[in-house]
Amino acid sequence: MNNENAPSESTEPLEPIELPAIEFQSPGRFAVHNPASQSSLNPQAEPAPFVLGEHTPLERFSQPEQARSHALAMLQQAQRNLCIYSHDLEPWLYHHSSVQEACTRFLLANPRNQLRILLRDASRAVKEGHRLLSLSRRLSSNLHIRKLHPDYPNEALAFLLADDRGLLLLPEVGQPSGYALYQDPGRSRQRRAQFDQAWDTSMTDADLRSFLL
């Protein structure tokens, strides 16, 4: 029985169908923008290559990175006490992961180690959540922060003292220029006396106290 709808059988070979060529033009290179990593936003700081208690020359600096490298060297090498006399806890200098880590190691190395911080104005540090304020909440037994008494005469400068031998001094508030001394007990003792007198008349700050609670 023949099926009229069935395809007819052909003995001729089927010719391949040629498709028209497709033209392709590259749109060019694509730039991939990945978000900056936290490490690039807050790169690891390197300490200055000087030994606390041995290096005697005066080291001047004029850039924030240089100031931080000297501060970090002293914070990492201190073994007994640290004193920070500051306007607003200079975030460009102290609000850094490397500084926080150095202070943490110093405070945990010995229960007798002490870090004292005197501020003229704590409002900025509280508002921005300064790293050392956060650290003082965790290690409140040997990290103390107080505010300078407004009636106490004090110089408009900032300094860091390390073990009564190291001194980092910023003679102008807000300016990243100054000098570092790694072995100068004389000048360090003078600044320590200035710090202790100011500390004895210092006071707690309402904003600072609420932050630390």
C-alpha atoms as a PDB file:
ATOM      1  CA  MET A   1       0.000   0.000   0.000  1.00  0.00           C
ATOM      2  CA  ASN A   2       1.390   3.326  -1.063  1.00  0.00           C
ATOM      3  CA  ASN A   3       1.353   6.297   1.375  1.00  0.00           C
ATOM      4  CA  GLU A   4       0.919   9.495  -0.513  1.00  0.00           C
ATOM      5  CA  ASN A   5       2.191  11.545   2.467  1.00  0.00           C
ATOM      6  CA  ALA A   6       5.426   9.595   2.839  1.00  0.00           C
ATOM      7  CA  PRO A   7       8.568  11.389   1.599  1.00  0.00           C
ATOM      8  CA  SER A   8       9.685  10.193  -1.773  1.00  0.00           C
ATOM      9  CA  GLU A   9      12.918   8.274  -1.874  1.00  0.00           C
ATOM     10  CA  SER A  10      15.608  10.002  -3.936  1.00  0.00           C
ATOM     11  CA  THR A  11      18.727   8.443  -5.178  1.00  0.00           C
ATOM     12  CA  GLU A  12      20.482  11.813  -5.616  1.00  0.00           C
ATOM     13  CA  PRO A  13      22.809  12.919  -2.758  1.00  0.00           C
ATOM     14  CA  LEU A  14      21.736  15.966  -0.757  1.00  0.00           C
ATOM     15  CA  GLU A  15      23.862  19.041  -1.317  1.00  0.00           C
ATOM     16  CA  PRO A  16      25.064  20.781   1.906  1.00  0.00           C
ATOM     17  CA  ILE A  17      23.466  24.131   2.555  1.00  0.00           C
ATOM     18  CA  GLU A  18      26.024  26.938   2.823  1.00  0.00           C
ATOM     19  CA  LEU A  19      25.216  29.581   5.418  1.00  0.00           C
ATOM     20  CA  PRO A  20      26.346  33.180   4.912  1.00  0.00           C
ATOM     21  CA  ALA A  21      29.469  34.189   6.803  1.00  0.00           C
ATOM     22  CA  ILE A  22      28.917  36.080  10.089  1.00  0.00           C
ATOM     23  CA  GLU A  23      30.982  39.173  10.614  1.00  0.00           C
ATOM     24  CA  PHE A  24      32.144  39.733  14.226  1.00  0.00           C
ATOM     25  CA  GLN A  25      33.716  42.867  15.514  1.00  0.00           C
ATOM     26  CA  SER A  26      35.234  42.937  19.003  1.00  0.00           C
ATOM     27  CA  PRO A  27      33.864  45.747  21.125  1.00  0.00           C
ATOM     28  CA  GLY A  28      37.314  46.135  22.662  1.00  0.00           C
ATOM     29  CA  ARG A  29      38.659  45.425  26.126  1.00  0.00           C
ATOM     30  CA  PHE A  30      36.544  45.452  29.216  1.00  0.00           C
ATOM     31  CA  ALA A  31      37.876  46.984  32.433  1.00  0.00           C
ATOM     32  CA  VAL A  32      36.945  45.134  35.607  1.00  0.00           C
ATOM     33  CA  HIS A  33      36.800  47.324  38.693  1.00  0.00           C
ATOM     34  CA  ASN A  34      37.023  45.316  41.897  1.00  0.00           C
ATOM     35  CA  PRO A  35      36.331  47.119  45.181  1.00  0.00           C
ATOM     36  CA  ALA A  36      39.438  48.092  47.111  1.00  0.00           C
ATOM     37  CA  SER A  37      40.299  45.644  49.845  1.00  0.00           C
ATOM     38  CA  GLN A  38      40.444  46.691  53.464  1.00  0.00           C
ATOM     39  CA  SER A  39      44.214  46.184  53.477  1.00  0.00           C
ATOM     40  CA  SER A  40      44.650  48.715  50.673  1.00  0.00           C
ATOM     41  CA  LEU A  41      42.404  51.210  52.457  1.00  0.00           C
ATOM     42  CA  ASN A  42      44.353  50.800  55.692  1.00  0.00           C
ATOM     43  CA  PRO A  43      47.781  49.489  54.732  1.00  0.00           C
ATOM     44  CA  GLN A  44      50.084  47.973  57.290  1.00  0.00           C
ATOM     45  CA  ALA A  45      52.414  50.606  58.701  1.00  0.00           C
ATOM     46  CA  GLU A  46      56.095  49.875  59.178  1.00  0.00           C
ATOM     47  CA  PRO A  47      57.982  50.986  62.315  1.00  0.00           C
ATOM     48  CA  ALA A  48      61.049  53.168  62.035  1.00  0.00           C
ATOM     49  CA  PRO A  49      64.310  51.160  62.168  1.00  0.00           C
ATOM     50  CA  PHE A  50      65.593  52.644  65.444  1.00  0.00           C
ATOM     51  CA  VAL A  51      66.078  51.028  68.851  1.00  0.00           C
ATOM     52  CA  LEU A  52      64.458  52.604  71.897  1.00  0.00           C
ATOM     53  CA  GLY A  53      67.096  53.400  74.499  1.00  0.00           C
ATOM     54  CA  GLU A  54      70.006  53.129  72.047  1.00  0.00           C
ATOM     55  CA  HIS A  55      69.532  55.426  69.070  1.00  0.00           C
ATOM     56  CA  THR A  56      70.720  58.888  70.144  1.00  0.00           C
ATOM     57  CA  PRO A  57      70.389  61.222  67.096  1.00  0.00           C
ATOM     58  CA  LEU A  58      67.314  63.421  66.777  1.00  0.00           C
ATOM     59  CA  GLU A  59      65.075  62.271  63.930  1.00  0.00           C
ATOM     60  CA  ARG A  60      62.961  64.945  62.248  1.00  0.00           C
ATOM     61  CA  PHE A  61      59.854  64.196  60.209  1.00  0.00           C
ATOM     62  CA  SER A  62      57.362  66.197  58.156  1.00  0.00           C
ATOM     63  CA  GLN A  63      54.891  63.632  56.802  1.00  0.00           C
ATOM     64  CA  PRO A  64      52.092  61.689  58.546  1.00  0.00           C
ATOM     65  CA  GLU A  65      53.573  58.334  57.485  1.00  0.00           C
ATOM     66  CA  GLN A  66      56.950  59.267  58.975  1.00  0.00           C
ATOM     67  CA  ALA A  67      55.376  60.370  62.248  1.00  0.00           C
ATOM     68  CA  ARG A  68      53.397  57.131  62.468  1.00  0.00           C
ATOM     69  CA  SER A  69      56.476  55.005  61.790  1.00  0.00           C
ATOM     70  CA  HIS A  70      58.305  56.633  64.723  1.00  0.00           C
ATOM     71  CA  ALA A  71      55.274  56.334  66.988  1.00  0.00           C
ATOM     72  CA  LEU A  72      54.853  52.696  66.034  1.00  0.00           C
ATOM     73  CA  ALA A  73      58.516  51.940  66.746  1.00  0.00           C
ATOM     74  CA  MET A  74      58.196  53.386  70.250  1.00  0.00           C
ATOM     75  CA  LEU A  75      54.856  51.712  70.952  1.00  0.00           C
ATOM     76  CA  GLN A  76      56.221  48.331  69.895  1.00  0.00           C
ATOM     77  CA  GLN A  77      59.411  48.623  71.977  1.00  0.00           C
ATOM     78  CA  ALA A  78      58.066  50.171  75.189  1.00  0.00           C
ATOM     79  CA  GLN A  79      58.212  47.800  78.160  1.00  0.00           C
ATOM     80  CA  ARG A  80      56.837  49.754  81.135  1.00  0.00           C
ATOM     81  CA  ASN A  81      54.763  52.840  80.442  1.00  0.00           C
ATOM     82  CA  LEU A  82      53.354  54.941  77.642  1.00  0.00           C
ATOM     83  CA  CYS A  83      51.934  58.454  77.843  1.00  0.00           C
ATOM     84  CA  ILE A  84      50.062  60.247  75.065  1.00  0.00           C
ATOM     85  CA  TYR A  85      49.469  63.985  75.433  1.00  0.00           C
ATOM     86  CA  SER A  86      47.142  64.992  72.653  1.00  0.00           C
ATOM     87  CA  HIS A  87      44.632  67.472  71.277  1.00  0.00           C
ATOM     88  CA  ASP A  88      42.069  65.047  69.849  1.00  0.00           C
ATOM     89  CA  LEU A  89      43.979  61.765  69.762  1.00  0.00           C
ATOM     90  CA  GLU A  90      45.223  62.697  66.265  1.00  0.00           C
ATOM     91  CA  PRO A  91      43.377  60.192  64.050  1.00  0.00           C
ATOM     92  CA  TRP A  92      45.926  60.577  61.251  1.00  0.00           C
ATOM     93  CA  LEU A  93      48.564  59.316  63.683  1.00  0.00           C
ATOM     94  CA  TYR A  94      46.917  56.948  66.175  1.00  0.00           C
ATOM     95  CA  HIS A  95      43.710  55.725  64.490  1.00  0.00           C
ATOM     96  CA  HIS A  96      45.418  52.852  62.706  1.00  0.00           C
ATOM     97  CA  SER A  97      45.248  49.082  63.010  1.00  0.00           C
ATOM     98  CA  SER A  98      49.032  48.797  63.504  1.00  0.00           C
ATOM     99  CA  VAL A  99      48.956  51.291  66.378  1.00  0.00           C
ATOM    100  CA  GLN A 100      46.029  49.489  68.006  1.00  0.00           C
ATOM    101  CA  GLU A 101      47.829  46.163  67.694  1.00  0.00           C
ATOM    102  CA  ALA A 102      51.047  47.568  69.191  1.00  0.00           C
ATOM    103  CA  CYS A 103      49.162  49.044  72.159  1.00  0.00           C
ATOM    104  CA  THR A 104      47.275  45.799  72.687  1.00  0.00           C
ATOM    105  CA  ARG A 105      50.487  43.769  72.808  1.00  0.00           C
ATOM    106  CA  PHE A 106      52.084  46.277  75.173  1.00  0.00           C
ATOM    107  CA  LEU A 107      49.153  46.157  77.597  1.00  0.00           C
ATOM    108  CA  LEU A 108      48.862  42.371  77.543  1.00  0.00           C
ATOM    109  CA  ALA A 109      52.601  41.762  77.909  1.00  0.00           C
ATOM    110  CA  ASN A 110      52.581  42.636  81.616  1.00  0.00           C
ATOM    111  CA  PRO A 111      49.702  43.520  83.972  1.00  0.00           C
ATOM    112  CA  ARG A 112      51.809  46.403  85.324  1.00  0.00           C
ATOM    113  CA  ASN A 113      52.180  48.075  81.936  1.00  0.00           C
ATOM    114  CA  GLN A 114      50.177  51.264  81.690  1.00  0.00           C
ATOM    115  CA  LEU A 115      49.035  53.518  78.882  1.00  0.00           C
ATOM    116  CA  ARG A 116      47.675  56.913  79.885  1.00  0.00           C
ATOM    117  CA  ILE A 117      46.101  59.340  77.437  1.00  0.00           C
ATOM    118  CA  LEU A 118      45.348  63.022  78.070  1.00  0.00           C
ATOM    119  CA  LEU A 119      43.040  64.798  75.615  1.00  0.00           C
ATOM    120  CA  ARG A 120      41.963  68.394  75.187  1.00  0.00           C
ATOM    121  CA  ASP A 121      38.889  67.445  73.171  1.00  0.00           C
ATOM    122  CA  ALA A 122      37.428  63.932  73.050  1.00  0.00           C
ATOM    123  CA  SER A 123      34.374  64.731  70.900  1.00  0.00           C
ATOM    124  CA  ARG A 124      35.935  63.793  67.569  1.00  0.00           C
ATOM    125  CA  ALA A 125      37.442  60.573  68.887  1.00  0.00           C
ATOM    126  CA  VAL A 126      34.081  59.567  70.373  1.00  0.00           C
ATOM    127  CA  LYS A 127      32.123  60.509  67.258  1.00  0.00           C
ATOM    128  CA  GLU A 128      34.431  58.625  64.897  1.00  0.00           C
ATOM    129  CA  GLY A 129      34.934  55.622  67.186  1.00  0.00           C
ATOM    130  CA  HIS A 130      38.697  55.951  67.598  1.00  0.00           C
ATOM    131  CA  ARG A 131      40.532  52.619  67.796  1.00  0.00           C
ATOM    132  CA  LEU A 132      42.253  53.462  71.087  1.00  0.00           C
ATOM    133  CA  LEU A 133      38.941  54.384  72.689  1.00  0.00           C
ATOM    134  CA  SER A 134      37.573  51.018  71.652  1.00  0.00           C
ATOM    135  CA  LEU A 135      40.679  49.347  73.060  1.00  0.00           C
ATOM    136  CA  SER A 136      40.212  51.117  76.391  1.00  0.00           C
ATOM    137  CA  ARG A 137      36.804  49.491  76.733  1.00  0.00           C
ATOM    138  CA  ARG A 138      38.440  46.069  76.529  1.00  0.00           C
ATOM    139  CA  LEU A 139      41.510  46.804  78.655  1.00  0.00           C
ATOM    140  CA  SER A 140      40.212  49.393  81.080  1.00  0.00           C
ATOM    141  CA  SER A 141      42.393  48.227  83.970  1.00  0.00           C
ATOM    142  CA  ASN A 142      45.647  49.537  82.507  1.00  0.00           C
ATOM    143  CA  LEU A 143      44.552  51.917  79.730  1.00  0.00           C
ATOM    144  CA  HIS A 144      43.229  55.201  81.111  1.00  0.00           C
ATOM    145  CA  ILE A 145      41.912  58.197  79.177  1.00  0.00           C
ATOM    146  CA  ARG A 146      41.160  61.570  80.736  1.00  0.00           C
ATOM    147  CA  LYS A 147      40.481  65.130  79.625  1.00  0.00           C
ATOM    148  CA  LEU A 148      42.738  68.078  80.346  1.00  0.00           C
ATOM    149  CA  HIS A 149      41.251  70.542  82.776  1.00  0.00           C
ATOM    150  CA  PRO A 150      40.194  73.655  80.823  1.00  0.00           C
ATOM    151  CA  ASP A 151      41.728  75.968  83.445  1.00  0.00           C
ATOM    152  CA  TYR A 152      45.053  74.164  83.559  1.00  0.00           C
ATOM    153  CA  PRO A 153      47.759  76.005  81.579  1.00  0.00           C
ATOM    154  CA  ASN A 154      49.033  73.733  78.853  1.00  0.00           C
ATOM    155  CA  GLU A 155      50.975  74.067  75.643  1.00  0.00           C
ATOM    156  CA  ALA A 156      49.270  73.664  72.278  1.00  0.00           C
ATOM    157  CA  LEU A 157      51.348  70.677  71.286  1.00  0.00           C
ATOM    158  CA  ALA A 158      51.229  66.903  71.362  1.00  0.00           C
ATOM    159  CA  PHE A 159      53.718  64.243  72.386  1.00  0.00           C
ATOM    160  CA  LEU A 160      54.241  60.563  73.045  1.00  0.00           C
ATOM    161  CA  LEU A 161      56.475  59.229  75.828  1.00  0.00           C
ATOM    162  CA  ALA A 162      57.851  55.702  75.900  1.00  0.00           C
ATOM    163  CA  ASP A 163      59.558  54.317  79.026  1.00  0.00           C
ATOM    164  CA  ASP A 164      60.880  57.775  80.000  1.00  0.00           C
ATOM    165  CA  ARG A 165      63.474  57.469  77.250  1.00  0.00           C
ATOM    166  CA  GLY A 166      61.628  57.925  73.976  1.00  0.00           C
ATOM    167  CA  LEU A 167      59.896  61.150  72.983  1.00  0.00           C
ATOM    168  CA  LEU A 168      57.909  61.966  69.864  1.00  0.00           C
ATOM    169  CA  LEU A 169      56.896  65.626  69.786  1.00  0.00           C
ATOM    170  CA  LEU A 170      54.505  67.545  67.521  1.00  0.00           C
ATOM    171  CA  PRO A 171      55.074  71.242  68.261  1.00  0.00           C
ATOM    172  CA  GLU A 172      52.000  72.419  66.325  1.00  0.00           C
ATOM    173  CA  VAL A 173      48.555  70.903  66.742  1.00  0.00           C
ATOM    174  CA  GLY A 174      47.258  69.371  63.542  1.00  0.00           C
ATOM    175  CA  GLN A 175      50.615  69.505  61.772  1.00  0.00           C
ATOM    176  CA  PRO A 176      52.420  66.196  61.009  1.00  0.00           C
ATOM    177  CA  SER A 177      55.875  67.656  61.524  1.00  0.00           C
ATOM    178  CA  GLY A 178      58.119  67.306  64.531  1.00  0.00           C
ATOM    179  CA  TYR A 179      60.909  65.120  65.849  1.00  0.00           C
ATOM    180  CA  ALA A 180      61.571  61.819  67.579  1.00  0.00           C
ATOM    181  CA  LEU A 181      64.155  60.981  70.225  1.00  0.00           C
ATOM    182  CA  TYR A 182      64.797  57.365  71.153  1.00  0.00           C
ATOM    183  CA  GLN A 183      67.319  57.905  73.941  1.00  0.00           C
ATOM    184  CA  ASP A 184      66.964  61.223  75.720  1.00  0.00           C
ATOM    185  CA  PRO A 185      66.068  60.680  79.402  1.00  0.00           C
ATOM    186  CA  GLY A 186      66.508  64.385  80.190  1.00  0.00           C
ATOM    187  CA  ARG A 187      63.870  65.725  77.815  1.00  0.00           C
ATOM    188  CA  SER A 188      61.666  62.716  78.429  1.00  0.00           C
ATOM    189  CA  ARG A 189      61.670  63.372  82.190  1.00  0.00           C
ATOM    190  CA  GLN A 190      60.730  67.018  81.614  1.00  0.00           C
ATOM    191  CA  ARG A 191      57.762  66.035  79.466  1.00  0.00           C
ATOM    192  CA  ARG A 192      56.830  63.296  81.930  1.00  0.00           C
ATOM    193  CA  ALA A 193      56.689  65.866  84.749  1.00  0.00           C
ATOM    194  CA  GLN A 194      54.499  68.068  82.571  1.00  0.00           C
ATOM    195  CA  PHE A 195      52.227  65.117  81.813  1.00  0.00           C
ATOM    196  CA  ASP A 196      51.951  64.018  85.459  1.00  0.00           C
ATOM    197  CA  GLN A 197      51.025  67.521  86.627  1.00  0.00           C
ATOM    198  CA  ALA A 198      48.342  67.797  83.962  1.00  0.00           C
ATOM    199  CA  TRP A 199      47.100  64.290  84.799  1.00  0.00           C
ATOM    200  CA  ASP A 200      46.688  65.166  88.488  1.00  0.00           C
ATOM    201  CA  THR A 201      44.297  67.987  87.591  1.00  0.00           C
ATOM    202  CA  SER A 202      42.563  66.184  84.725  1.00  0.00           C
ATOM    203  CA  MET A 203      38.898  65.269  84.662  1.00  0.00           C
ATOM    204  CA  THR A 204      36.503  62.767  83.164  1.00  0.00           C
ATOM    205  CA  ASP A 205      34.525  63.778  80.093  1.00  0.00           C
ATOM    206  CA  ALA A 206      30.784  63.090  79.805  1.00  0.00           C
ATOM    207  CA  ASP A 207      31.004  62.038  76.151  1.00  0.00           C
ATOM    208  CA  LEU A 208      34.056  59.926  76.835  1.00  0.00           C
ATOM    209  CA  ARG A 209      32.488  58.279  79.875  1.00  0.00           C
ATOM    210  CA  SER A 210      29.313  57.372  77.972  1.00  0.00           C
ATOM    211  CA  PHE A 211      31.382  55.871  75.182  1.00  0.00           C
ATOM    212  CA  LEU A 212      33.460  53.760  77.543  1.00  0.00           C
ATOM    213  CA  LEU A 213      30.509  52.418  79.536  1.00  0.00           C
END
